[in-house]
Amino acid sequence: MELKETGIMMSGNHPKLILDGTKTMTRRVIKPQPIITGQFADYKNLTTLIENLFEFCPYGQIGQRLWVRETWANDPETGGKPLLYKADMTWEPESYFKQDGGKWRPSIFMPRWASRITLEITEVRVAKLNDMTENDAHAEGVDNLVTFMLLWDSLNAKRGYGWTSNPFVWCISFRRVN
């Protein structure tokens, strides 16, 4: 059986947090959102629905792998490899490229061969976003729940999935594979 690998986008400093071992979990909005009406509106049936929904996670199941897509570039000084990763930059990377003619490529366009981070899924579960704990926030790579709320809204509120909308999310825990 072939090991399934799925690409997953990570923005900002998230790739660096994974490499540092700080980020071991990610949350992703479930699309489309489950509609809870009728028989599923009571707590017992809702719990059963949530417990069984994880099987449909598009990112994979326990033991399967994710390869991280991040903002990247070919190094203009070498004409290709080695690659540069924006999450590693400690100075203003755009100024580096302006003088050398390179350009950053969005994470969505990263091919598998350019990915430097592979993750193994260790847990998949479904939850309401607001059920998150302080420990979950730490696993997400931030200091506390308030910081996570602000980060979440900066990435998801424009799309209608802000913290206050409390969407159902995939909670995916992982470990880095060397």
N, C-alpha and C. Protein backbone atom coordinates (compact mmCIF):
# COMPACT_ATOMS: atom_id res chain seq x y z
N MET A 1 0.84 -1.18 0.00
CA MET A 1 0.00 0.00 0.00
C MET A 1 0.88 1.25 0.00
N GLU A 2 0.59 2.15 -0.89
CA GLU A 2 1.35 3.38 -1.01
C GLU A 2 0.96 4.36 0.10
N LEU A 3 1.95 5.01 0.70
CA LEU A 3 1.71 5.97 1.76
C LEU A 3 1.16 7.26 1.15
N LYS A 4 -0.02 7.68 1.60
CA LYS A 4 -0.64 8.88 1.07
C LYS A 4 0.05 10.12 1.63
N GLU A 5 0.36 11.06 0.75
CA GLU A 5 0.92 12.35 1.14
C GLU A 5 0.04 13.45 0.56
N THR A 6 -0.25 14.43 1.37
CA THR A 6 -1.10 15.55 0.96
C THR A 6 -0.37 16.85 1.26
N GLY A 7 -0.41 17.79 0.33
CA GLY A 7 0.17 19.10 0.57
C GLY A 7 -0.72 19.93 1.48
N ILE A 8 -0.09 20.69 2.37
CA ILE A 8 -0.83 21.57 3.28
C ILE A 8 -0.10 22.90 3.35
N MET A 9 -0.82 24.00 3.13
CA MET A 9 -0.18 25.31 3.15
C MET A 9 0.02 25.80 4.58
N MET A 10 1.19 26.36 4.81
CA MET A 10 1.51 27.00 6.09
C MET A 10 2.05 28.38 5.76
N SER A 11 1.50 29.40 6.40
CA SER A 11 1.89 30.77 6.09
C SER A 11 2.71 31.38 7.21
N GLY A 12 3.24 32.57 6.92
CA GLY A 12 3.99 33.32 7.91
C GLY A 12 5.16 32.55 8.49
N ASN A 13 5.25 32.56 9.81
CA ASN A 13 6.35 31.86 10.48
C ASN A 13 6.01 30.43 10.88
N HIS A 14 4.86 29.92 10.45
CA HIS A 14 4.45 28.57 10.83
C HIS A 14 5.46 27.49 10.43
N PRO A 15 6.04 27.54 9.21
CA PRO A 15 7.07 26.53 8.90
C PRO A 15 8.24 26.57 9.89
N LYS A 16 8.67 27.75 10.27
CA LYS A 16 9.76 27.89 11.24
C LYS A 16 9.36 27.31 12.60
N LEU A 17 8.12 27.54 13.01
CA LEU A 17 7.63 26.99 14.28
C LEU A 17 7.60 25.47 14.26
N ILE A 18 7.28 24.91 13.11
CA ILE A 18 7.31 23.44 12.97
C ILE A 18 8.74 22.94 13.07
N LEU A 19 9.65 23.59 12.38
CA LEU A 19 11.06 23.18 12.43
C LEU A 19 11.63 23.31 13.84
N ASP A 20 11.18 24.31 14.58
CA ASP A 20 11.64 24.51 15.95
C ASP A 20 10.98 23.55 16.94
N GLY A 21 9.96 22.81 16.49
CA GLY A 21 9.24 21.89 17.37
C GLY A 21 8.18 22.57 18.22
N THR A 22 7.89 23.84 17.94
CA THR A 22 6.91 24.59 18.71
C THR A 22 5.49 24.30 18.24
N LYS A 23 5.30 24.15 16.93
CA LYS A 23 3.97 23.92 16.36
C LYS A 23 3.81 22.43 16.06
N THR A 24 2.82 21.81 16.71
CA THR A 24 2.56 20.38 16.52
C THR A 24 1.09 20.11 16.20
N MET A 25 0.35 21.17 15.89
CA MET A 25 -1.08 21.04 15.61
C MET A 25 -1.50 22.16 14.67
N THR A 26 -2.50 21.86 13.86
CA THR A 26 -3.10 22.90 13.02
C THR A 26 -4.60 22.68 12.99
N ARG A 27 -5.32 23.78 12.84
CA ARG A 27 -6.77 23.73 12.69
C ARG A 27 -7.12 24.25 11.31
N ARG A 28 -8.06 23.57 10.67
CA ARG A 28 -8.53 23.97 9.34
C ARG A 28 -10.05 23.93 9.33
N VAL A 29 -10.66 24.92 8.71
CA VAL A 29 -12.11 25.00 8.63
C VAL A 29 -12.64 23.82 7.84
N ILE A 30 -13.69 23.19 8.34
CA ILE A 30 -14.37 22.13 7.60
C ILE A 30 -15.28 22.80 6.58
N LYS A 31 -15.11 22.40 5.31
CA LYS A 31 -15.93 22.95 4.23
C LYS A 31 -16.55 21.81 3.45
N PRO A 32 -17.85 21.85 3.25
CA PRO A 32 -18.80 22.79 3.83
C PRO A 32 -19.02 22.47 5.31
N GLN A 33 -19.49 23.46 6.05
CA GLN A 33 -19.77 23.27 7.47
C GLN A 33 -20.93 22.30 7.65
N PRO A 34 -20.83 21.38 8.62
CA PRO A 34 -21.97 20.51 8.92
C PRO A 34 -23.16 21.36 9.38
N ILE A 35 -24.32 20.99 8.93
CA ILE A 35 -25.53 21.70 9.33
C ILE A 35 -26.21 20.84 10.39
N ILE A 36 -26.37 21.39 11.57
CA ILE A 36 -26.91 20.65 12.69
C ILE A 36 -28.38 21.02 12.88
N THR A 37 -29.26 20.11 12.47
CA THR A 37 -30.69 20.34 12.63
C THR A 37 -31.35 19.03 13.02
N GLY A 38 -32.60 19.09 13.38
CA GLY A 38 -33.39 17.90 13.64
C GLY A 38 -32.74 16.95 14.64
N GLN A 39 -32.57 15.70 14.22
CA GLN A 39 -32.10 14.66 15.14
C GLN A 39 -30.69 14.92 15.67
N PHE A 40 -29.88 15.70 14.94
CA PHE A 40 -28.51 15.94 15.40
C PHE A 40 -28.40 17.13 16.35
N ALA A 41 -29.51 17.84 16.57
CA ALA A 41 -29.46 19.02 17.42
C ALA A 41 -29.25 18.68 18.89
N ASP A 42 -29.63 17.46 19.32
CA ASP A 42 -29.40 17.13 20.72
C ASP A 42 -27.95 16.69 20.93
N TYR A 43 -27.46 16.86 22.13
CA TYR A 43 -26.03 16.68 22.44
C TYR A 43 -25.52 15.28 22.11
N LYS A 44 -26.28 14.25 22.44
CA LYS A 44 -25.82 12.87 22.22
C LYS A 44 -25.59 12.60 20.73
N ASN A 45 -26.54 12.96 19.90
CA ASN A 45 -26.39 12.74 18.46
C ASN A 45 -25.32 13.62 17.85
N LEU A 46 -25.19 14.85 18.34
CA LEU A 46 -24.15 15.75 17.86
C LEU A 46 -22.77 15.18 18.17
N THR A 47 -22.60 14.64 19.35
CA THR A 47 -21.32 14.03 19.74
C THR A 47 -21.01 12.85 18.83
N THR A 48 -21.99 12.03 18.51
CA THR A 48 -21.79 10.89 17.61
C THR A 48 -21.39 11.37 16.22
N LEU A 49 -22.05 12.42 15.73
CA LEU A 49 -21.72 12.98 14.42
C LEU A 49 -20.27 13.45 14.40
N ILE A 50 -19.88 14.21 15.41
CA ILE A 50 -18.52 14.75 15.47
C ILE A 50 -17.49 13.62 15.56
N GLU A 51 -17.77 12.60 16.36
CA GLU A 51 -16.83 11.50 16.52
C GLU A 51 -16.60 10.74 15.21
N ASN A 52 -17.60 10.69 14.36
CA ASN A 52 -17.48 9.94 13.11
C ASN A 52 -17.06 10.79 11.91
N LEU A 53 -17.17 12.09 12.03
CA LEU A 53 -16.85 12.99 10.92
C LEU A 53 -15.36 12.99 10.57
N PHE A 54 -14.49 12.72 11.56
CA PHE A 54 -13.04 12.78 11.32
C PHE A 54 -12.59 11.87 10.19
N GLU A 55 -13.35 10.81 9.92
CA GLU A 55 -12.99 9.87 8.86
C GLU A 55 -12.94 10.53 7.49
N PHE A 56 -13.57 11.68 7.35
CA PHE A 56 -13.66 12.36 6.06
C PHE A 56 -12.66 13.50 5.91
N CYS A 57 -11.70 13.59 6.81
CA CYS A 57 -10.73 14.67 6.77
C CYS A 57 -9.95 14.65 5.45
N PRO A 58 -9.99 15.72 4.66
CA PRO A 58 -9.30 15.74 3.37
C PRO A 58 -7.77 15.79 3.49
N TYR A 59 -7.27 16.06 4.70
CA TYR A 59 -5.82 16.13 4.90
C TYR A 59 -5.21 14.77 5.20
N GLY A 60 -6.05 13.79 5.55
CA GLY A 60 -5.56 12.45 5.80
C GLY A 60 -5.95 11.93 7.17
N GLN A 61 -5.42 10.76 7.47
CA GLN A 61 -5.72 10.07 8.72
C GLN A 61 -4.42 9.77 9.47
N ILE A 62 -4.55 9.26 10.67
CA ILE A 62 -3.38 8.92 11.48
C ILE A 62 -2.42 8.04 10.68
N GLY A 63 -1.14 8.39 10.71
CA GLY A 63 -0.11 7.62 10.01
C GLY A 63 0.18 8.13 8.61
N GLN A 64 -0.75 8.90 8.04
CA GLN A 64 -0.51 9.46 6.71
C GLN A 64 0.33 10.72 6.84
N ARG A 65 0.82 11.19 5.71
CA ARG A 65 1.78 12.30 5.75
C ARG A 65 1.28 13.55 5.05
N LEU A 66 1.77 14.67 5.56
CA LEU A 66 1.52 15.98 4.97
C LEU A 66 2.87 16.56 4.56
N TRP A 67 2.92 17.19 3.41
CA TRP A 67 4.13 17.93 3.06
C TRP A 67 3.75 19.41 3.04
N VAL A 68 4.60 20.20 3.68
CA VAL A 68 4.29 21.60 3.91
C VAL A 68 4.63 22.44 2.69
N ARG A 69 3.64 23.21 2.25
CA ARG A 69 3.81 24.21 1.19
C ARG A 69 4.02 25.55 1.89
N GLU A 70 5.09 26.24 1.53
CA GLU A 70 5.39 27.54 2.13
C GLU A 70 5.93 28.48 1.07
N THR A 71 5.98 29.77 1.37
CA THR A 71 6.51 30.76 0.44
C THR A 71 8.00 30.48 0.24
N TRP A 72 8.42 30.41 -1.03
CA TRP A 72 9.78 29.97 -1.36
C TRP A 72 10.30 30.70 -2.58
N ALA A 73 11.58 30.53 -2.83
CA ALA A 73 12.21 31.12 -4.02
C ALA A 73 13.46 30.34 -4.36
N ASN A 74 13.83 30.42 -5.62
CA ASN A 74 15.16 29.94 -6.01
C ASN A 74 16.15 31.01 -5.58
N ASP A 75 17.32 30.62 -5.16
CA ASP A 75 18.34 31.59 -4.76
C ASP A 75 18.90 32.23 -6.02
N PRO A 76 18.72 33.56 -6.20
CA PRO A 76 19.19 34.21 -7.43
C PRO A 76 20.70 34.15 -7.60
N GLU A 77 21.43 33.97 -6.51
CA GLU A 77 22.89 33.91 -6.62
C GLU A 77 23.37 32.60 -7.24
N THR A 78 22.57 31.53 -7.11
CA THR A 78 22.97 30.24 -7.64
C THR A 78 22.20 29.86 -8.91
N GLY A 79 21.19 30.68 -9.25
CA GLY A 79 20.39 30.40 -10.44
C GLY A 79 19.42 29.24 -10.24
N GLY A 80 19.16 28.85 -9.05
CA GLY A 80 18.22 27.75 -8.79
C GLY A 80 18.36 27.30 -7.37
N LYS A 81 18.91 26.11 -7.18
CA LYS A 81 19.10 25.61 -5.83
C LYS A 81 20.37 26.19 -5.26
N PRO A 82 20.54 26.37 -3.98
CA PRO A 82 19.56 25.96 -2.96
C PRO A 82 18.36 26.90 -2.94
N LEU A 83 17.31 26.40 -2.36
CA LEU A 83 16.09 27.18 -2.26
C LEU A 83 16.14 28.08 -1.04
N LEU A 84 15.38 29.15 -1.12
CA LEU A 84 15.19 30.04 0.02
C LEU A 84 13.76 29.89 0.50
N TYR A 85 13.57 29.99 1.81
CA TYR A 85 12.24 29.90 2.39
C TYR A 85 11.98 31.17 3.19
N LYS A 86 10.89 31.84 2.87
CA LYS A 86 10.61 33.15 3.47
C LYS A 86 10.53 33.08 4.99
N ALA A 87 10.05 31.97 5.54
CA ALA A 87 9.92 31.84 6.99
C ALA A 87 11.28 31.90 7.69
N ASP A 88 12.37 31.62 6.96
CA ASP A 88 13.71 31.64 7.55
C ASP A 88 14.35 33.02 7.55
N MET A 89 13.77 33.97 6.82
CA MET A 89 14.40 35.27 6.64
C MET A 89 14.33 36.09 7.92
N THR A 90 15.45 36.65 8.31
CA THR A 90 15.50 37.51 9.50
C THR A 90 15.66 38.97 9.11
N TRP A 91 15.77 39.24 7.81
CA TRP A 91 15.84 40.61 7.33
C TRP A 91 14.74 40.76 6.28
N GLU A 92 14.61 41.95 5.73
CA GLU A 92 13.56 42.21 4.76
C GLU A 92 13.91 41.53 3.43
N PRO A 93 13.34 40.35 3.16
CA PRO A 93 13.73 39.59 1.98
C PRO A 93 13.42 40.26 0.65
N GLU A 94 12.40 41.12 0.58
CA GLU A 94 12.07 41.77 -0.69
C GLU A 94 13.23 42.62 -1.18
N SER A 95 13.93 43.30 -0.27
CA SER A 95 15.04 44.14 -0.70
C SER A 95 16.18 43.30 -1.28
N TYR A 96 16.37 42.11 -0.77
CA TYR A 96 17.38 41.18 -1.31
C TYR A 96 17.06 40.86 -2.76
N PHE A 97 15.80 40.59 -3.03
CA PHE A 97 15.41 40.22 -4.39
C PHE A 97 15.40 41.41 -5.34
N LYS A 98 15.08 42.59 -4.85
CA LYS A 98 15.04 43.75 -5.75
C LYS A 98 16.39 43.98 -6.40
N GLN A 99 17.46 43.74 -5.67
CA GLN A 99 18.77 43.99 -6.26
C GLN A 99 19.28 42.80 -7.07
N ASP A 100 18.75 41.60 -6.82
CA ASP A 100 19.26 40.42 -7.53
C ASP A 100 18.27 39.81 -8.52
N GLY A 101 17.08 40.39 -8.65
CA GLY A 101 16.15 39.95 -9.69
C GLY A 101 15.37 38.68 -9.39
N GLY A 102 15.37 38.19 -8.16
CA GLY A 102 14.59 36.99 -7.82
C GLY A 102 13.17 37.35 -7.45
N LYS A 103 12.37 36.32 -7.14
CA LYS A 103 11.01 36.62 -6.71
C LYS A 103 10.48 35.49 -5.83
N TRP A 104 9.67 35.88 -4.83
CA TRP A 104 9.02 34.91 -3.96
C TRP A 104 7.89 34.24 -4.70
N ARG A 105 7.73 32.96 -4.45
CA ARG A 105 6.64 32.20 -5.05
C ARG A 105 5.67 31.80 -3.95
N PRO A 106 4.37 32.02 -4.16
CA PRO A 106 3.38 31.69 -3.13
C PRO A 106 3.36 30.20 -2.80
N SER A 107 3.00 29.90 -1.57
CA SER A 107 2.98 28.51 -1.10
C SER A 107 2.09 27.61 -1.96
N ILE A 108 1.02 28.16 -2.49
CA ILE A 108 0.10 27.35 -3.29
C ILE A 108 0.79 26.77 -4.54
N PHE A 109 1.87 27.42 -4.99
CA PHE A 109 2.57 26.96 -6.18
C PHE A 109 3.82 26.14 -5.87
N MET A 110 4.02 25.78 -4.60
CA MET A 110 5.21 24.99 -4.26
C MET A 110 5.03 23.55 -4.73
N PRO A 111 5.95 23.05 -5.55
CA PRO A 111 5.89 21.64 -5.96
C PRO A 111 6.42 20.75 -4.83
N ARG A 112 6.07 19.49 -4.86
CA ARG A 112 6.47 18.55 -3.81
C ARG A 112 7.99 18.53 -3.63
N TRP A 113 8.75 18.57 -4.72
CA TRP A 113 10.21 18.46 -4.62
C TRP A 113 10.83 19.62 -3.85
N ALA A 114 10.15 20.76 -3.80
CA ALA A 114 10.70 21.94 -3.12
C ALA A 114 10.39 21.96 -1.63
N SER A 115 9.50 21.08 -1.18
CA SER A 115 9.12 21.08 0.23
C SER A 115 10.22 20.47 1.09
N ARG A 116 10.52 21.16 2.19
CA ARG A 116 11.57 20.67 3.10
C ARG A 116 11.00 20.06 4.37
N ILE A 117 9.67 20.14 4.56
CA ILE A 117 9.06 19.66 5.79
C ILE A 117 8.01 18.61 5.47
N THR A 118 8.17 17.44 6.08
CA THR A 118 7.19 16.37 5.98
C THR A 118 6.69 16.07 7.38
N LEU A 119 5.38 15.91 7.51
CA LEU A 119 4.75 15.67 8.80
C LEU A 119 3.99 14.35 8.77
N GLU A 120 3.96 13.66 9.90
CA GLU A 120 3.13 12.47 10.04
C GLU A 120 1.96 12.83 10.94
N ILE A 121 0.76 12.54 10.50
CA ILE A 121 -0.44 12.83 11.29
C ILE A 121 -0.51 11.87 12.47
N THR A 122 -0.65 12.42 13.67
CA THR A 122 -0.75 11.60 14.88
C THR A 122 -2.15 11.59 15.48
N GLU A 123 -2.98 12.55 15.08
CA GLU A 123 -4.37 12.59 15.56
C GLU A 123 -5.19 13.47 14.62
N VAL A 124 -6.42 13.05 14.39
CA VAL A 124 -7.39 13.87 13.65
C VAL A 124 -8.67 13.85 14.45
N ARG A 125 -9.20 15.04 14.71
CA ARG A 125 -10.49 15.11 15.39
C ARG A 125 -11.25 16.33 14.87
N VAL A 126 -12.53 16.35 15.18
CA VAL A 126 -13.40 17.44 14.78
C VAL A 126 -13.82 18.16 16.06
N ALA A 127 -13.84 19.49 16.00
CA ALA A 127 -14.27 20.27 17.17
C ALA A 127 -14.85 21.59 16.70
N LYS A 128 -15.55 22.23 17.59
CA LYS A 128 -15.94 23.62 17.36
C LYS A 128 -14.73 24.46 17.72
N LEU A 129 -14.47 25.50 16.96
CA LEU A 129 -13.28 26.31 17.16
C LEU A 129 -13.18 26.84 18.60
N ASN A 130 -14.29 27.29 19.16
CA ASN A 130 -14.27 27.89 20.49
C ASN A 130 -14.06 26.89 21.62
N ASP A 131 -14.01 25.60 21.31
CA ASP A 131 -13.73 24.58 22.33
C ASP A 131 -12.22 24.45 22.58
N MET A 132 -11.45 25.25 21.92
CA MET A 132 -10.00 25.21 22.02
C MET A 132 -9.53 25.58 23.44
N THR A 133 -8.43 24.95 23.87
CA THR A 133 -7.87 25.20 25.20
C THR A 133 -6.54 25.95 25.09
N GLU A 134 -6.03 26.39 26.23
CA GLU A 134 -4.70 27.02 26.26
C GLU A 134 -3.64 26.04 25.76
N ASN A 135 -3.76 24.76 26.15
CA ASN A 135 -2.79 23.75 25.68
C ASN A 135 -2.84 23.62 24.17
N ASP A 136 -4.04 23.69 23.59
CA ASP A 136 -4.17 23.65 22.13
C ASP A 136 -3.46 24.85 21.50
N ALA A 137 -3.62 26.02 22.11
CA ALA A 137 -2.97 27.23 21.59
C ALA A 137 -1.46 27.05 21.58
N HIS A 138 -0.91 26.46 22.63
CA HIS A 138 0.54 26.20 22.68
C HIS A 138 0.94 25.23 21.57
N ALA A 139 0.14 24.18 21.35
CA ALA A 139 0.43 23.22 20.28
C ALA A 139 0.34 23.87 18.90
N GLU A 140 -0.44 24.93 18.80
CA GLU A 140 -0.55 25.69 17.54
C GLU A 140 0.64 26.62 17.35
N GLY A 141 1.51 26.70 18.37
CA GLY A 141 2.73 27.49 18.23
C GLY A 141 2.64 28.92 18.75
N VAL A 142 1.58 29.24 19.48
CA VAL A 142 1.44 30.59 20.03
C VAL A 142 1.46 30.55 21.56
N ASP A 143 1.61 31.73 22.17
CA ASP A 143 1.77 31.81 23.62
C ASP A 143 0.48 31.58 24.41
N ASN A 144 -0.65 32.00 23.83
CA ASN A 144 -1.91 31.87 24.58
C ASN A 144 -3.10 31.91 23.63
N LEU A 145 -4.27 31.68 24.21
CA LEU A 145 -5.49 31.59 23.43
C LEU A 145 -5.87 32.92 22.78
N VAL A 146 -5.63 34.03 23.45
CA VAL A 146 -5.95 35.34 22.87
C VAL A 146 -5.10 35.58 21.62
N THR A 147 -3.83 35.25 21.69
CA THR A 147 -2.96 35.40 20.52
C THR A 147 -3.46 34.53 19.37
N PHE A 148 -3.91 33.31 19.69
CA PHE A 148 -4.44 32.44 18.64
C PHE A 148 -5.71 33.03 18.03
N MET A 149 -6.59 33.57 18.87
CA MET A 149 -7.83 34.18 18.35
C MET A 149 -7.51 35.28 17.34
N LEU A 150 -6.56 36.12 17.67
CA LEU A 150 -6.18 37.21 16.77
C LEU A 150 -5.57 36.67 15.48
N LEU A 151 -4.72 35.67 15.60
CA LEU A 151 -4.12 35.04 14.42
C LEU A 151 -5.20 34.40 13.56
N TRP A 152 -6.09 33.64 14.19
CA TRP A 152 -7.17 32.97 13.46
C TRP A 152 -7.98 33.99 12.65
N ASP A 153 -8.38 35.08 13.32
CA ASP A 153 -9.19 36.08 12.62
C ASP A 153 -8.42 36.74 11.47
N SER A 154 -7.12 36.94 11.64
CA SER A 154 -6.34 37.55 10.55
C SER A 154 -6.30 36.65 9.31
N LEU A 155 -6.44 35.35 9.51
CA LEU A 155 -6.39 34.40 8.39
C LEU A 155 -7.77 34.00 7.88
N ASN A 156 -8.79 34.03 8.73
CA ASN A 156 -10.07 33.42 8.37
C ASN A 156 -11.30 34.32 8.44
N ALA A 157 -11.24 35.44 9.13
CA ALA A 157 -12.44 36.28 9.30
C ALA A 157 -12.99 36.80 7.98
N LYS A 158 -12.10 37.21 7.06
CA LYS A 158 -12.54 37.74 5.77
C LYS A 158 -13.34 36.72 4.96
N ARG A 159 -13.07 35.45 5.23
CA ARG A 159 -13.77 34.38 4.50
C ARG A 159 -15.04 33.91 5.22
N GLY A 160 -15.39 34.61 6.32
CA GLY A 160 -16.63 34.28 7.03
C GLY A 160 -16.47 33.23 8.12
N TYR A 161 -15.22 32.92 8.48
CA TYR A 161 -14.98 31.89 9.49
C TYR A 161 -14.21 32.45 10.69
N GLY A 162 -14.58 33.66 11.11
CA GLY A 162 -13.91 34.28 12.24
C GLY A 162 -14.16 33.54 13.54
N TRP A 163 -13.42 33.93 14.57
CA TRP A 163 -13.52 33.26 15.87
C TRP A 163 -14.96 33.27 16.40
N THR A 164 -15.64 34.39 16.27
CA THR A 164 -17.00 34.49 16.83
C THR A 164 -18.01 33.64 16.06
N SER A 165 -17.72 33.26 14.82
CA SER A 165 -18.65 32.39 14.09
C SER A 165 -18.55 30.94 14.55
N ASN A 166 -17.48 30.61 15.29
CA ASN A 166 -17.30 29.30 15.91
C ASN A 166 -17.53 28.13 14.94
N PRO A 167 -16.78 28.08 13.84
CA PRO A 167 -17.00 27.00 12.86
C PRO A 167 -16.48 25.66 13.37
N PHE A 168 -16.97 24.59 12.75
CA PHE A 168 -16.38 23.28 12.96
C PHE A 168 -15.02 23.27 12.27
N VAL A 169 -14.03 22.67 12.91
CA VAL A 169 -12.68 22.62 12.35
C VAL A 169 -12.10 21.21 12.44
N TRP A 170 -11.20 20.92 11.51
CA TRP A 170 -10.36 19.73 11.62
C TRP A 170 -9.23 20.11 12.58
N CYS A 171 -8.98 19.32 13.60
CA CYS A 171 -7.85 19.51 14.50
C CYS A 171 -6.85 18.40 14.16
N ILE A 172 -5.76 18.78 13.57
CA ILE A 172 -4.78 17.80 13.08
C ILE A 172 -3.48 17.96 13.88
N SER A 173 -3.13 16.92 14.62
CA SER A 173 -1.85 16.90 15.35
C SER A 173 -0.86 16.14 14.50
N PHE A 174 0.41 16.51 14.63
CA PHE A 174 1.43 15.89 13.78
C PHE A 174 2.78 15.89 14.47
N ARG A 175 3.67 15.09 13.90
CA ARG A 175 5.09 15.12 14.30
C ARG A 175 5.89 15.26 13.02
N ARG A 176 7.03 15.91 13.13
CA ARG A 176 7.89 16.11 11.97
C ARG A 176 8.65 14.83 11.65
N VAL A 177 8.72 14.50 10.38
CA VAL A 177 9.47 13.34 9.90
C VAL A 177 10.76 13.84 9.30
N ASN A 178 11.89 13.32 9.73
CA ASN A 178 13.18 13.76 9.18
C ASN A 178 13.45 13.08 7.86
